[in-house]
Amino acid sequence: MILHTVEIKEVQPMVKNLSSHIEFMGEFIDDVNTLLAKLLKALREEYNVSKEQANVILMLENGKAMTLTEITERQGVNKAAVSRRIKKLIQAEVVQWDKSEDTGDQRLKYIKLTEKGKQFNRKSKSIINDIVSDILHDLSDDEIEQARYVLEIIDQRLKNFNIKHHS
């Protein structure tokens, strides 16, 4: 009985610590999202796009084309909402419809960036790079690499979790 009590006491601090780590990660993600929203506000206004529409533009970086279904799944909202976003982005001339060439299935229509959309992404990345450089300027290369290493592990686990729970 005493052994059982000791095991519980040893586990409780770890769970308590895990809970505070999870709480911190939630706050961190909120802080990043708030900062990005503020930093990119002027750019979104210049291109006349909402935060949600800007997220679609950023998903389509590097010439990547996606179907409406893929965007819907990534954004976690209904298809009608994404359709409205895409319609407004087409009107703003930052995305366009593109028939599938690679898969051979001509029924599939993909959304891809126009040159104006690519320009939005370049400007977004420039703004983000500037602030990240400013935030990290006093950290050593080793500290930055350690943080990146841990974040890459977390990112891979998130991707694996999403894959497992997508089916």
Foldseek 3Di string as FASTA:
>chain_A
DVVVVVVVVVVVVVVVVVVVVVVVVVVVVVVVVVVLCVLCVVVCVVLVADPLLLVVLLVQEPFRWAFLVVSCVVVVHDSVVSVVSLVVCVVSQQKDWDADDVPPPRVTIIIHGDVVSNVSNVVSVVSVVVVVCVVCVPPDPVVVVVVVVVVVVVVVVVVVVCVVPVD
